[in-house]
Amino acid sequence: MSKELPFLIYCLEEYRGAKGLSGKQVAALFAAKKVMNYIIEFFEILHINGPKYIIQEIDEYLAAG
Protein backbone atom coordinates (compact mmCIF):
# COMPACT_ATOMS: atom_id res chain seq x y z
CA MET A 1 0.00 0.00 0.00
CA SER A 2 2.96 2.34 -0.40
CA LYS A 3 1.50 4.45 -3.20
CA GLU A 4 -2.06 4.32 -1.86
CA LEU A 5 -1.33 5.84 1.57
CA PRO A 6 -0.18 9.25 0.31
CA PHE A 7 -3.16 9.27 -2.05
CA LEU A 8 -5.54 8.48 0.82
CA ILE A 9 -4.16 11.45 2.73
CA TYR A 10 -4.50 13.63 -0.36
CA CYS A 11 -8.14 12.59 -0.78
CA LEU A 12 -8.88 13.20 2.88
CA GLU A 13 -7.34 16.68 2.72
CA GLU A 14 -9.12 17.59 -0.52
CA TYR A 15 -12.45 16.40 0.84
CA ARG A 16 -11.86 18.23 4.12
CA GLY A 17 -11.18 21.49 2.35
CA ALA A 18 -14.07 21.14 -0.09
CA LYS A 19 -16.60 20.38 2.64
CA GLY A 20 -15.25 22.70 5.34
CA LEU A 21 -14.77 19.85 7.79
CA SER A 22 -11.97 19.14 10.23
CA GLY A 23 -9.50 16.36 9.56
CA LYS A 24 -10.94 14.47 12.50
CA GLN A 25 -14.47 14.71 11.07
CA VAL A 26 -13.39 13.48 7.65
CA ALA A 27 -11.31 10.66 9.13
CA ALA A 28 -14.32 9.52 11.19
CA LEU A 29 -16.63 9.73 8.16
CA PHE A 30 -14.18 7.86 5.92
CA ALA A 31 -13.73 5.15 8.57
CA ALA A 32 -17.45 4.76 9.31
CA LYS A 33 -18.46 4.57 5.65
CA LYS A 34 -15.41 2.59 4.51
CA VAL A 35 -14.38 5.33 2.08
CA MET A 36 -10.73 4.39 2.52
CA ASN A 37 -11.45 0.89 1.24
CA TYR A 38 -13.24 2.41 -1.76
CA ILE A 39 -10.30 4.71 -2.53
CA ILE A 40 -7.81 1.84 -2.30
CA GLU A 41 -9.98 -0.44 -4.44
CA PHE A 42 -10.34 2.17 -7.17
CA PHE A 43 -6.93 3.78 -6.76
CA GLU A 44 -5.89 3.15 -10.37
CA ILE A 45 -8.91 5.07 -11.68
CA LEU A 46 -9.10 7.78 -9.04
CA HIS A 47 -5.46 8.83 -8.89
CA ILE A 48 -5.38 9.93 -12.53
CA ASN A 49 -8.26 12.39 -12.02
CA GLY A 50 -8.42 15.82 -10.48
CA PRO A 51 -9.71 16.79 -7.05
CA LYS A 52 -13.19 17.81 -8.24
CA TYR A 53 -13.72 14.38 -9.78
CA ILE A 54 -12.45 12.63 -6.66
CA ILE A 55 -14.72 14.66 -4.37
CA GLN A 56 -17.68 13.95 -6.65
CA GLU A 57 -16.89 10.22 -6.62
CA ILE A 58 -16.64 10.19 -2.83
CA ASP A 59 -19.97 12.05 -2.55
CA GLU A 60 -21.62 9.56 -4.92
CA TYR A 61 -20.17 6.64 -2.97
CA LEU A 62 -21.46 8.09 0.29
CA ALA A 63 -24.92 8.74 -1.20
CA ALA A 64 -25.13 5.16 -2.47
CA GLY A 65 -24.14 3.67 0.88
PDB file of N, CA and C in Angstrom:
ATOM      1  N   MET A   1       0.821  -1.179   0.000  1.00  0.00           N
ATOM      2  CA  MET A   1       0.000   0.000   0.000  1.00  0.00           C
ATOM      3  C   MET A   1       0.876   1.258   0.000  1.00  0.00           C
ATOM      4  N   SER A   2       2.057   1.199  -0.484  1.00  0.00           N
ATOM      5  CA  SER A   2       2.961   2.337  -0.401  1.00  0.00           C
ATOM      6  C   SER A   2       2.481   3.538  -1.213  1.00  0.00           C
ATOM      7  N   LYS A   3       1.959   3.323  -2.395  1.00  0.00           N
ATOM      8  CA  LYS A   3       1.495   4.454  -3.199  1.00  0.00           C
ATOM      9  C   LYS A   3       0.081   4.883  -2.830  1.00  0.00           C
ATOM     10  N   GLU A   4      -0.682   3.996  -2.216  1.00  0.00           N
ATOM     11  CA  GLU A   4      -2.060   4.323  -1.862  1.00  0.00           C
ATOM     12  C   GLU A   4      -2.157   5.225  -0.634  1.00  0.00           C
ATOM     13  N   LEU A   5      -1.261   5.059   0.330  1.00  0.00           N
ATOM     14  CA  LEU A   5      -1.333   5.837   1.566  1.00  0.00           C
ATOM     15  C   LEU A   5      -1.217   7.342   1.320  1.00  0.00           C
ATOM     16  N   PRO A   6      -0.230   7.812   0.575  1.00  0.00           N
ATOM     17  CA  PRO A   6      -0.183   9.255   0.306  1.00  0.00           C
ATOM     18  C   PRO A   6      -1.431   9.736  -0.447  1.00  0.00           C
ATOM     19  N   PHE A   7      -1.962   8.900  -1.313  1.00  0.00           N
ATOM     20  CA  PHE A   7      -3.164   9.274  -2.047  1.00  0.00           C
ATOM     21  C   PHE A   7      -4.375   9.335  -1.118  1.00  0.00           C
ATOM     22  N   LEU A   8      -4.466   8.428  -0.163  1.00  0.00           N
ATOM     23  CA  LEU A   8      -5.544   8.480   0.823  1.00  0.00           C
ATOM     24  C   LEU A   8      -5.506   9.794   1.599  1.00  0.00           C
ATOM     25  N   ILE A   9      -4.323  10.193   2.000  1.00  0.00           N
ATOM     26  CA  ILE A   9      -4.159  11.448   2.734  1.00  0.00           C
ATOM     27  C   ILE A   9      -4.549  12.625   1.847  1.00  0.00           C
ATOM     28  N   TYR A  10      -4.130  12.584   0.600  1.00  0.00           N
ATOM     29  CA  TYR A  10      -4.496  13.626  -0.355  1.00  0.00           C
ATOM     30  C   TYR A  10      -6.015  13.724  -0.489  1.00  0.00           C
ATOM     31  N   CYS A  11      -6.688  12.597  -0.648  1.00  0.00           N
ATOM     32  CA  CYS A  11      -8.144  12.586  -0.784  1.00  0.00           C
ATOM     33  C   CYS A  11      -8.817  13.127   0.473  1.00  0.00           C
ATOM     34  N   LEU A  12      -8.326  12.711   1.624  1.00  0.00           N
ATOM     35  CA  LEU A  12      -8.876  13.200   2.885  1.00  0.00           C
ATOM     36  C   LEU A  12      -8.738  14.717   2.973  1.00  0.00           C
ATOM     37  N   GLU A  13      -7.587  15.239   2.638  1.00  0.00           N
ATOM     38  CA  GLU A  13      -7.342  16.680   2.717  1.00  0.00           C
ATOM     39  C   GLU A  13      -8.181  17.449   1.701  1.00  0.00           C
ATOM     40  N   GLU A  14      -8.293  16.929   0.494  1.00  0.00           N
ATOM     41  CA  GLU A  14      -9.117  17.590  -0.521  1.00  0.00           C
ATOM     42  C   GLU A  14     -10.583  17.602  -0.107  1.00  0.00           C
ATOM     43  N   TYR A  15     -11.051  16.489   0.408  1.00  0.00           N
ATOM     44  CA  TYR A  15     -12.446  16.404   0.837  1.00  0.00           C
ATOM     45  C   TYR A  15     -12.693  17.327   2.031  1.00  0.00           C
ATOM     46  N   ARG A  16     -11.769  17.360   2.952  1.00  0.00           N
ATOM     47  CA  ARG A  16     -11.864  18.230   4.121  1.00  0.00           C
ATOM     48  C   ARG A  16     -12.005  19.682   3.694  1.00  0.00           C
ATOM     49  N   GLY A  17     -11.147  20.109   2.810  1.00  0.00           N
ATOM     50  CA  GLY A  17     -11.182  21.488   2.346  1.00  0.00           C
ATOM     51  C   GLY A  17     -12.441  21.821   1.571  1.00  0.00           C
ATOM     52  N   ALA A  18     -12.880  20.901   0.732  1.00  0.00           N
ATOM     53  CA  ALA A  18     -14.069  21.141  -0.090  1.00  0.00           C
ATOM     54  C   ALA A  18     -15.340  21.214   0.741  1.00  0.00           C
ATOM     55  N   LYS A  19     -15.382  20.457   1.830  1.00  0.00           N
ATOM     56  CA  LYS A  19     -16.596  20.376   2.644  1.00  0.00           C
ATOM     57  C   LYS A  19     -16.527  21.227   3.908  1.00  0.00           C
ATOM     58  N   GLY A  20     -15.389  21.860   4.156  1.00  0.00           N
ATOM     59  CA  GLY A  20     -15.252  22.704   5.342  1.00  0.00           C
ATOM     60  C   GLY A  20     -15.297  21.926   6.641  1.00  0.00           C
ATOM     61  N   LEU A  21     -14.777  20.718   6.610  1.00  0.00           N
ATOM     62  CA  LEU A  21     -14.765  19.852   7.790  1.00  0.00           C
ATOM     63  C   LEU A  21     -13.366  19.811   8.391  1.00  0.00           C
ATOM     64  N   SER A  22     -13.283  19.341   9.610  1.00  0.00           N
ATOM     65  CA  SER A  22     -11.967  19.135  10.225  1.00  0.00           C
ATOM     66  C   SER A  22     -11.406  17.796   9.741  1.00  0.00           C
ATOM     67  N   GLY A  23     -10.121  17.639   9.909  1.00  0.00           N
ATOM     68  CA  GLY A  23      -9.498  16.362   9.558  1.00  0.00           C
ATOM     69  C   GLY A  23     -10.077  15.217  10.363  1.00  0.00           C
ATOM     70  N   LYS A  24     -10.360  15.491  11.625  1.00  0.00           N
ATOM     71  CA  LYS A  24     -10.939  14.469  12.504  1.00  0.00           C
ATOM     72  C   LYS A  24     -12.329  14.054  12.014  1.00  0.00           C
ATOM     73  N   GLN A  25     -13.135  15.020  11.580  1.00  0.00           N
ATOM     74  CA  GLN A  25     -14.474  14.712  11.071  1.00  0.00           C
ATOM     75  C   GLN A  25     -14.408  13.867   9.804  1.00  0.00           C
ATOM     76  N   VAL A  26     -13.517  14.236   8.903  1.00  0.00           N
ATOM     77  CA  VAL A  26     -13.392  13.479   7.652  1.00  0.00           C
ATOM     78  C   VAL A  26     -12.845  12.080   7.928  1.00  0.00           C
ATOM     79  N   ALA A  27     -11.867  11.973   8.796  1.00  0.00           N
ATOM     80  CA  ALA A  27     -11.313  10.660   9.133  1.00  0.00           C
ATOM     81  C   ALA A  27     -12.394   9.757   9.722  1.00  0.00           C
ATOM     82  N   ALA A  28     -13.231  10.308  10.595  1.00  0.00           N
ATOM     83  CA  ALA A  28     -14.316   9.522  11.186  1.00  0.00           C
ATOM     84  C   ALA A  28     -15.336   9.113  10.123  1.00  0.00           C
ATOM     85  N   LEU A  29     -15.683  10.036   9.234  1.00  0.00           N
ATOM     86  CA  LEU A  29     -16.629   9.727   8.157  1.00  0.00           C
ATOM     87  C   LEU A  29     -16.067   8.656   7.237  1.00  0.00           C
ATOM     88  N   PHE A  30     -14.815   8.821   6.816  1.00  0.00           N
ATOM     89  CA  PHE A  30     -14.181   7.856   5.924  1.00  0.00           C
ATOM     90  C   PHE A  30     -14.110   6.477   6.573  1.00  0.00           C
ATOM     91  N   ALA A  31     -13.820   6.427   7.865  1.00  0.00           N
ATOM     92  CA  ALA A  31     -13.734   5.147   8.570  1.00  0.00           C
ATOM     93  C   ALA A  31     -15.116   4.506   8.703  1.00  0.00           C
ATOM     94  N   ALA A  32     -16.108   5.297   9.092  1.00  0.00           N
ATOM     95  CA  ALA A  32     -17.450   4.764   9.314  1.00  0.00           C
ATOM     96  C   ALA A  32     -18.086   4.248   8.029  1.00  0.00           C
ATOM     97  N   LYS A  33     -17.829   4.930   6.924  1.00  0.00           N
ATOM     98  CA  LYS A  33     -18.460   4.574   5.647  1.00  0.00           C
ATOM     99  C   LYS A  33     -17.541   3.766   4.732  1.00  0.00           C
ATOM    100  N   LYS A  34     -16.376   3.402   5.248  1.00  0.00           N
ATOM    101  CA  LYS A  34     -15.406   2.592   4.507  1.00  0.00           C
ATOM    102  C   LYS A  34     -14.945   3.264   3.205  1.00  0.00           C
ATOM    103  N   VAL A  35     -14.838   4.583   3.244  1.00  0.00           N
ATOM    104  CA  VAL A  35     -14.384   5.335   2.080  1.00  0.00           C
ATOM    105  C   VAL A  35     -12.938   4.992   1.750  1.00  0.00           C
ATOM    106  N   MET A  36     -12.132   4.737   2.767  1.00  0.00           N
ATOM    107  CA  MET A  36     -10.731   4.393   2.523  1.00  0.00           C
ATOM    108  C   MET A  36     -10.614   3.107   1.717  1.00  0.00           C
ATOM    109  N   ASN A  37     -11.455   2.135   2.016  1.00  0.00           N
ATOM    110  CA  ASN A  37     -11.453   0.893   1.241  1.00  0.00           C
ATOM    111  C   ASN A  37     -11.819   1.162  -0.215  1.00  0.00           C
ATOM    112  N   TYR A  38     -12.806   2.030  -0.415  1.00  0.00           N
ATOM    113  CA  TYR A  38     -13.236   2.407  -1.758  1.00  0.00           C
ATOM    114  C   TYR A  38     -12.084   3.073  -2.521  1.00  0.00           C
ATOM    115  N   ILE A  39     -11.405   3.999  -1.870  1.00  0.00           N
ATOM    116  CA  ILE A  39     -10.303   4.705  -2.527  1.00  0.00           C
ATOM    117  C   ILE A  39      -9.183   3.737  -2.898  1.00  0.00           C
ATOM    118  N   ILE A  40      -8.857   2.825  -2.008  1.00  0.00           N
ATOM    119  CA  ILE A  40      -7.807   1.841  -2.304  1.00  0.00           C
ATOM    120  C   ILE A  40      -8.239   0.920  -3.442  1.00  0.00           C
ATOM    121  N   GLU A  41      -9.483   0.471  -3.400  1.00  0.00           N
ATOM    122  CA  GLU A  41      -9.978  -0.440  -4.439  1.00  0.00           C
ATOM    123  C   GLU A  41      -9.951   0.205  -5.819  1.00  0.00           C
ATOM    124  N   PHE A  42     -10.280   1.480  -5.888  1.00  0.00           N
ATOM    125  CA  PHE A  42     -10.343   2.170  -7.170  1.00  0.00           C
ATOM    126  C   PHE A  42      -9.200   3.163  -7.368  1.00  0.00           C
ATOM    127  N   PHE A  43      -8.094   2.912  -6.687  1.00  0.00           N
ATOM    128  CA  PHE A  43      -6.925   3.779  -6.757  1.00  0.00           C
ATOM    129  C   PHE A  43      -6.492   4.045  -8.194  1.00  0.00           C
ATOM    130  N   GLU A  44      -6.403   3.007  -8.996  1.00  0.00           N
ATOM    131  CA  GLU A  44      -5.893   3.146 -10.369  1.00  0.00           C
ATOM    132  C   GLU A  44      -6.738   4.099 -11.200  1.00  0.00           C
ATOM    133  N   ILE A  45      -8.025   4.154 -10.948  1.00  0.00           N
ATOM    134  CA  ILE A  45      -8.909   5.071 -11.676  1.00  0.00           C
ATOM    135  C   ILE A  45      -8.890   6.456 -11.044  1.00  0.00           C
ATOM    136  N   LEU A  46      -8.982   6.497  -9.729  1.00  0.00           N
ATOM    137  CA  LEU A  46      -9.104   7.780  -9.039  1.00  0.00           C
ATOM    138  C   LEU A  46      -7.846   8.632  -9.126  1.00  0.00           C
ATOM    139  N   HIS A  47      -6.675   8.020  -9.015  1.00  0.00           N
ATOM    140  CA  HIS A  47      -5.460   8.828  -8.889  1.00  0.00           C
ATOM    141  C   HIS A  47      -5.083   9.573 -10.164  1.00  0.00           C
ATOM    142  N   ILE A  48      -5.690   9.230 -11.282  1.00  0.00           N
ATOM    143  CA  ILE A  48      -5.375   9.934 -12.528  1.00  0.00           C
ATOM    144  C   ILE A  48      -6.336  11.097 -12.791  1.00  0.00           C
ATOM    145  N   ASN A  49      -7.267  11.322 -11.876  1.00  0.00           N
ATOM    146  CA  ASN A  49      -8.255  12.387 -12.020  1.00  0.00           C
ATOM    147  C   ASN A  49      -7.982  13.518 -11.045  1.00  0.00           C
ATOM    148  N   GLY A  50      -8.609  14.643 -11.306  1.00  0.00           N
ATOM    149  CA  GLY A  50      -8.421  15.825 -10.477  1.00  0.00           C
ATOM    150  C   GLY A  50      -9.256  15.792  -9.212  1.00  0.00           C
ATOM    151  N   PRO A  51      -9.026  16.765  -8.342  1.00  0.00           N
ATOM    152  CA  PRO A  51      -9.708  16.785  -7.054  1.00  0.00           C
ATOM    153  C   PRO A  51     -11.227  16.914  -7.153  1.00  0.00           C
ATOM    154  N   LYS A  52     -11.738  17.675  -8.111  1.00  0.00           N
ATOM    155  CA  LYS A  52     -13.194  17.812  -8.244  1.00  0.00           C
ATOM    156  C   LYS A  52     -13.835  16.470  -8.557  1.00  0.00           C
ATOM    157  N   TYR A  53     -13.206  15.703  -9.435  1.00  0.00           N
ATOM    158  CA  TYR A  53     -13.718  14.377  -9.783  1.00  0.00           C
ATOM    159  C   TYR A  53     -13.689  13.463  -8.561  1.00  0.00           C
ATOM    160  N   ILE A  54     -12.602  13.497  -7.827  1.00  0.00           N
ATOM    161  CA  ILE A  54     -12.453  12.629  -6.656  1.00  0.00           C
ATOM    162  C   ILE A  54     -13.510  12.964  -5.599  1.00  0.00           C
ATOM    163  N   ILE A  55     -13.710  14.247  -5.350  1.00  0.00           N
ATOM    164  CA  ILE A  55     -14.722  14.659  -4.367  1.00  0.00           C
ATOM    165  C   ILE A  55     -16.108  14.218  -4.818  1.00  0.00           C
ATOM    166  N   GLN A  56     -16.394  14.383  -6.105  1.00  0.00           N
ATOM    167  CA  GLN A  56     -17.682  13.951  -6.646  1.00  0.00           C
ATOM    168  C   GLN A  56     -17.858  12.441  -6.493  1.00  0.00           C
ATOM    169  N   GLU A  57     -16.820  11.682  -6.764  1.00  0.00           N
ATOM    170  CA  GLU A  57     -16.888  10.221  -6.623  1.00  0.00           C
ATOM    171  C   GLU A  57     -17.128   9.822  -5.164  1.00  0.00           C
ATOM    172  N   ILE A  58     -16.458  10.479  -4.247  1.00  0.00           N
ATOM    173  CA  ILE A  58     -16.645  10.186  -2.827  1.00  0.00           C
ATOM    174  C   ILE A  58     -18.086  10.520  -2.420  1.00  0.00           C
ATOM    175  N   ASP A  59     -18.576  11.670  -2.872  1.00  0.00           N
ATOM    176  CA  ASP A  59     -19.967  12.045  -2.554  1.00  0.00           C
ATOM    177  C   ASP A  59     -20.955  11.018  -3.101  1.00  0.00           C
ATOM    178  N   GLU A  60     -20.731  10.566  -4.318  1.00  0.00           N
ATOM    179  CA  GLU A  60     -21.623   9.562  -4.917  1.00  0.00           C
ATOM    180  C   GLU A  60     -21.533   8.242  -4.158  1.00  0.00           C
ATOM    181  N   TYR A  61     -20.341   7.864  -3.757  1.00  0.00           N
ATOM    182  CA  TYR A  61     -20.170   6.636  -2.975  1.00  0.00           C
ATOM    183  C   TYR A  61     -20.911   6.748  -1.639  1.00  0.00           C
ATOM    184  N   LEU A  62     -20.775   7.889  -0.986  1.00  0.00           N
ATOM    185  CA  LEU A  62     -21.459   8.092   0.294  1.00  0.00           C
ATOM    186  C   LEU A  62     -22.984   8.094   0.120  1.00  0.00           C
ATOM    187  N   ALA A  63     -23.466   8.689  -0.950  1.00  0.00           N
ATOM    188  CA  ALA A  63     -24.915   8.739  -1.200  1.00  0.00           C
ATOM    189  C   ALA A  63     -25.476   7.353  -1.491  1.00  0.00           C
ATOM    190  N   ALA A  64     -24.674   6.515  -2.119  1.00  0.00           N
ATOM    191  CA  ALA A  64     -25.127   5.163  -2.467  1.00  0.00           C
ATOM    192  C   ALA A  64     -25.129   4.230  -1.257  1.00  0.00           C
ATOM    193  N   GLY A  65     -24.297   4.557  -0.269  1.00  0.00           N
ATOM    194  CA  GLY A  65     -24.140   3.667   0.880  1.00  0.00           C
ATOM    195  C   GLY A  65     -25.103   3.957   1.924  1.00  0.00           C
TER     196      GLY A  65
END
